[in-house]
């Protein structure tokens, strides 16, 4: 599983091509995970790229990509809490946040807070690319009870776009994850957890994680496949 969101390599590369970035541009990925999407941006454009994430294992994997591809100073990763990072206003041509809006706030405030933060740090006419969940239809109460609060999804697809417009952003492009991308994403979690317990049968933490993953997978099959969507939204700051 290359990305920490339900997206294929083909769709990731398509979205990156739409950005039309140049080598003179600066890009930041907030909550970059293992850095795969940002690495592809840098390779495609030559832009100066910075990724920030709070998880040490993710930054370690991301830095391995830097070494693997010999990208040097053009691709950098920083272990930090995005909310505490010192980022200059109006200093990036593109800000990215895929599936990580929760780092900017709890519940319904997370998505709008992420858009506001990215608006601060991109230049006028700069771009904001955000990946966010949405409901395909009204979720069953049993599913909401299982997910718990905050559930992490509060809007339908068009409501995500409308909310960005209400903050003064201009929508340029949107795409959604298809069913194959969702299934691949969810089943990779299950497969990786199963393999870890097989390799470490005495690892109690891995066993507990597997129990949670199996339960999540069950609810995904029962509710998530028909209820939960994921959108990729490209906005311009005017």
Protein backbone atom coordinates (compact mmCIF):
# COMPACT_ATOMS: atom_id res chain seq x y z
CA UNK A 1 0.00 0.00 0.00
CA UNK A 2 1.81 3.10 -1.28
CA UNK A 3 -0.57 5.80 -0.08
CA UNK A 4 -2.37 6.36 3.20
CA UNK A 5 -5.64 7.04 1.40
CA UNK A 6 -7.70 5.15 -1.20
CA UNK A 7 -5.98 6.22 -4.41
CA UNK A 8 -4.29 4.27 -7.20
CA UNK A 9 -0.92 5.08 -8.72
CA UNK A 10 -2.67 6.02 -11.96
CA UNK A 11 -5.02 8.49 -10.28
CA UNK A 12 -2.24 9.96 -8.16
CA UNK A 13 -0.14 10.60 -11.26
CA UNK A 14 -3.13 12.07 -13.09
CA UNK A 15 -3.84 14.53 -10.27
CA UNK A 16 -0.17 15.48 -10.09
CA UNK A 17 -0.12 16.18 -13.84
CA UNK A 18 -3.10 18.53 -13.45
CA UNK A 19 -1.18 20.64 -10.93
CA UNK A 20 1.23 21.86 -13.64
CA UNK A 21 4.01 22.55 -11.16
CA UNK A 22 7.40 23.98 -12.13
CA UNK A 23 10.87 23.44 -10.73
CA UNK A 24 10.77 26.96 -9.27
CA UNK A 25 7.69 26.18 -7.16
CA UNK A 26 7.60 25.33 -3.47
CA UNK A 27 5.32 22.55 -2.22
CA UNK A 28 4.39 21.43 1.29
CA UNK A 29 2.57 18.25 2.32
CA UNK A 30 0.96 18.50 5.76
CA UNK A 31 0.60 15.07 7.35
CA UNK A 32 2.67 13.54 4.57
CA UNK A 33 2.78 9.97 5.94
CA UNK A 34 5.52 7.93 4.26
CA UNK A 35 5.94 10.62 1.61
CA UNK A 36 4.96 8.69 -1.52
CA UNK A 37 2.65 11.35 -2.97
CA UNK A 38 5.12 14.17 -2.31
CA UNK A 39 7.98 12.13 -3.77
CA UNK A 40 5.98 11.69 -6.97
CA UNK A 41 5.29 15.43 -7.08
CA UNK A 42 8.99 16.16 -6.83
CA UNK A 43 9.95 13.62 -9.46
CA UNK A 44 7.32 14.91 -11.88
CA UNK A 45 8.03 18.63 -11.45
CA UNK A 46 11.43 19.17 -9.88
CA UNK A 47 9.73 21.45 -7.32
CA UNK A 48 11.20 22.17 -3.91
CA UNK A 49 9.19 19.89 -1.60
CA UNK A 50 8.78 19.67 2.17
CA UNK A 51 6.75 17.02 3.98
CA UNK A 52 5.80 17.18 7.66
CA UNK A 53 4.44 14.38 9.82
CA UNK A 54 4.33 13.62 13.54
CA UNK A 55 4.87 9.86 13.19
CA UNK A 56 8.58 8.84 13.37
CA UNK A 57 8.09 5.58 11.44
CA UNK A 58 6.47 7.49 8.56
CA UNK A 59 9.29 10.05 8.38
CA UNK A 60 11.83 7.23 8.45
CA UNK A 61 10.16 5.59 5.44
CA UNK A 62 9.93 8.95 3.68
CA UNK A 63 13.64 9.65 4.17
CA UNK A 64 14.43 6.27 2.68
CA UNK A 65 12.71 7.44 -0.51
CA UNK A 66 14.97 10.49 -0.60
CA UNK A 67 18.03 8.25 -0.48
CA UNK A 68 16.57 5.70 -2.87
CA UNK A 69 15.85 8.26 -5.59
CA UNK A 70 18.84 10.53 -4.89
CA UNK A 71 16.65 13.61 -4.58
CA UNK A 72 18.82 15.37 -2.02
CA UNK A 73 17.83 18.87 -0.96
CA UNK A 74 14.89 19.03 -3.37
CA UNK A 75 12.85 16.70 -1.16
CA UNK A 76 12.92 17.09 2.61
CA UNK A 77 10.90 15.57 5.42
CA UNK A 78 10.46 16.96 8.91
CA UNK A 79 9.33 15.16 12.05
CA UNK A 80 7.02 17.67 13.72
CA UNK A 81 3.51 18.54 14.81
CA UNK A 82 2.08 20.52 11.89
CA UNK A 83 0.19 22.76 14.29
CA UNK A 84 3.46 23.86 15.90
CA UNK A 85 5.64 24.08 12.79
CA UNK A 86 6.88 27.57 11.95
CA UNK A 87 5.60 28.11 8.40
CA UNK A 88 5.80 31.47 6.67
CA UNK A 89 2.60 32.89 5.25
CA UNK A 90 2.20 33.21 1.49
CA UNK A 91 5.31 31.12 0.83
CA UNK A 92 4.17 28.02 -1.11
CA UNK A 93 2.68 27.50 -4.56
CA UNK A 94 0.94 24.32 -3.39
CA UNK A 95 -0.17 22.93 -0.03
CA UNK A 96 -1.28 19.28 0.17
CA UNK A 97 -3.20 17.47 2.90
CA UNK A 98 -4.52 14.02 1.98
CA UNK A 99 -6.58 12.30 4.65
CA UNK A 100 -4.94 14.25 7.45
CA UNK A 101 -7.39 17.08 8.15
CA UNK A 102 -7.84 15.66 11.67
CA UNK A 103 -4.47 17.10 12.68
CA UNK A 104 -6.01 20.59 12.49
CA UNK A 105 -8.97 20.03 14.79
CA UNK A 106 -11.64 17.72 16.16
CA UNK A 107 -14.92 16.79 14.56
CA UNK A 108 -16.58 19.08 12.05
CA UNK A 109 -13.97 21.79 12.56
CA UNK A 110 -11.11 19.69 11.15
CA UNK A 111 -11.79 20.12 7.42
CA UNK A 112 -12.42 23.87 7.52
CA UNK A 113 -9.44 24.38 9.84
CA UNK A 114 -7.16 22.53 7.42
CA UNK A 115 -8.35 24.72 4.54
CA UNK A 116 -7.78 27.89 6.57
CA UNK A 117 -4.25 26.80 7.53
CA UNK A 118 -3.33 25.96 3.96
CA UNK A 119 -4.81 29.24 2.74
CA UNK A 120 -2.47 31.09 5.08
CA UNK A 121 0.71 29.50 3.79
CA UNK A 122 0.08 29.43 0.02
CA UNK A 123 0.66 32.48 -2.16
CA UNK A 124 -2.15 34.38 -3.86
CA UNK A 125 -3.29 32.23 -6.80
CA UNK A 126 -1.61 29.30 -5.04
CA UNK A 127 -3.16 25.85 -4.94
CA UNK A 128 -4.62 23.71 -2.17
CA UNK A 129 -5.03 19.97 -2.69
CA UNK A 130 -6.98 18.20 0.02
CA UNK A 131 -8.21 14.62 0.35
CA UNK A 132 -11.30 14.26 2.53
CA UNK A 133 -13.94 11.66 3.27
CA UNK A 134 -17.61 12.14 2.49
CA UNK A 135 -20.86 10.23 2.87
CA UNK A 136 -22.30 8.63 -0.25
CA UNK A 137 -25.59 8.33 1.61
CA UNK A 138 -26.88 8.78 5.14
CA UNK A 139 -24.92 6.35 7.34
CA UNK A 140 -26.65 3.73 9.47
CA UNK A 141 -26.63 4.48 13.19
CA UNK A 142 -24.93 1.14 13.88
CA UNK A 143 -22.03 2.22 11.68
CA UNK A 144 -21.76 5.62 13.39
CA UNK A 145 -21.84 3.95 16.80
CA UNK A 146 -18.99 1.67 15.74
CA UNK A 147 -16.82 4.47 14.35
CA UNK A 148 -17.35 6.60 17.45
CA UNK A 149 -17.01 10.33 17.89
CA UNK A 150 -15.46 12.14 16.12
CA UNK A 151 -16.49 10.04 13.12
CA UNK A 152 -14.21 12.02 10.81
CA UNK A 153 -16.80 12.49 8.04
CA UNK A 154 -19.46 15.19 8.23
CA UNK A 155 -20.33 16.22 4.67
CA UNK A 156 -21.54 14.87 1.37
CA UNK A 157 -19.26 15.31 -1.66
CA UNK A 158 -20.71 18.62 -2.84
CA UNK A 159 -20.85 19.95 0.71
CA UNK A 160 -17.06 19.60 0.93
CA UNK A 161 -16.77 21.83 -2.14
CA UNK A 162 -19.36 24.30 -0.86
CA UNK A 163 -17.56 24.61 2.45
CA UNK A 164 -14.33 25.55 0.65
CA UNK A 165 -16.21 28.12 -1.43
CA UNK A 166 -17.64 29.66 1.74
CA UNK A 167 -14.04 30.27 2.85
CA UNK A 168 -13.28 32.16 -0.34
CA UNK A 169 -11.51 29.36 -2.21
CA UNK A 170 -12.12 28.69 -5.90
CA UNK A 171 -12.76 25.04 -6.84
CA UNK A 172 -10.68 23.96 -9.85
CA UNK A 173 -10.99 20.18 -9.93
CA UNK A 174 -12.38 17.22 -8.00
CA UNK A 175 -12.09 13.45 -8.23
CA UNK A 176 -13.27 10.56 -6.09
CA UNK A 177 -11.92 7.16 -5.12
CA UNK A 178 -13.49 4.28 -7.03
CA UNK A 179 -14.51 0.97 -5.46
CA UNK A 180 -11.34 -0.86 -6.48
CA UNK A 181 -9.22 1.81 -4.81
CA UNK A 182 -11.28 1.60 -1.63
CA UNK A 183 -11.14 -2.20 -1.52
CA UNK A 184 -7.39 -2.23 -2.11
CA UNK A 185 -6.87 0.33 0.65
CA UNK A 186 -9.02 -1.48 3.24
CA UNK A 187 -7.86 -5.00 2.42
CA UNK A 188 -4.18 -4.01 2.54
CA UNK A 189 -4.69 -3.01 6.17
CA UNK A 190 -6.20 -6.42 6.86
CA UNK A 191 -3.51 -8.30 4.94
CA UNK A 192 -0.62 -6.45 6.59
CA UNK A 193 -2.05 -7.06 10.06
CA UNK A 194 -2.58 -10.75 9.32
CA UNK A 195 1.00 -11.13 8.02
CA UNK A 196 2.45 -9.36 11.05
CA UNK A 197 0.80 -11.78 13.48
CA UNK A 198 1.90 -14.74 11.35
CA UNK A 199 5.48 -13.48 11.50
CA UNK A 200 5.31 -12.57 15.22
CA UNK A 201 2.85 -14.99 16.86
CA UNK A 202 3.95 -13.96 20.37
CA UNK A 203 3.47 -10.23 19.75
CA UNK A 204 0.46 -9.31 21.90
CA UNK A 205 0.26 -5.78 20.51
CA UNK A 206 0.10 -7.14 16.98
CA UNK A 207 -2.68 -9.51 18.03
CA UNK A 208 -4.71 -6.70 19.56
CA UNK A 209 -4.20 -4.61 16.44
CA UNK A 210 -5.37 -7.53 14.29
CA UNK A 211 -8.54 -7.86 16.34
CA UNK A 212 -9.33 -4.18 15.72
CA UNK A 213 -8.47 -4.43 12.03
CA UNK A 214 -10.66 -7.51 11.56
CA UNK A 215 -13.59 -5.73 13.20
CA UNK A 216 -13.05 -2.62 11.08
CA UNK A 217 -12.89 -4.78 7.97
CA UNK A 218 -16.18 -6.43 8.91
CA UNK A 219 -17.91 -3.06 9.27
CA UNK A 220 -16.33 -1.81 6.06
CA UNK A 221 -17.81 -4.76 4.19
CA UNK A 222 -21.20 -4.35 5.86
CA UNK A 223 -21.52 -0.56 5.71
CA UNK A 224 -18.45 1.28 4.45
CA UNK A 225 -18.39 0.06 0.85
CA UNK A 226 -21.77 1.59 0.10
CA UNK A 227 -21.72 4.49 2.55
CA UNK A 228 -18.28 6.09 2.70
CA UNK A 229 -16.50 7.95 -0.09
CA UNK A 230 -13.23 9.82 -0.43
CA UNK A 231 -12.72 12.95 -2.52
CA UNK A 232 -9.70 14.82 -3.85
CA UNK A 233 -10.33 18.55 -4.10
CA UNK A 234 -8.16 21.16 -5.80
CA UNK A 235 -8.77 24.80 -4.86
CA UNK A 236 -7.15 28.12 -5.73
CA UNK A 237 -6.53 30.90 -3.24
CA UNK A 238 -7.51 34.24 -4.73
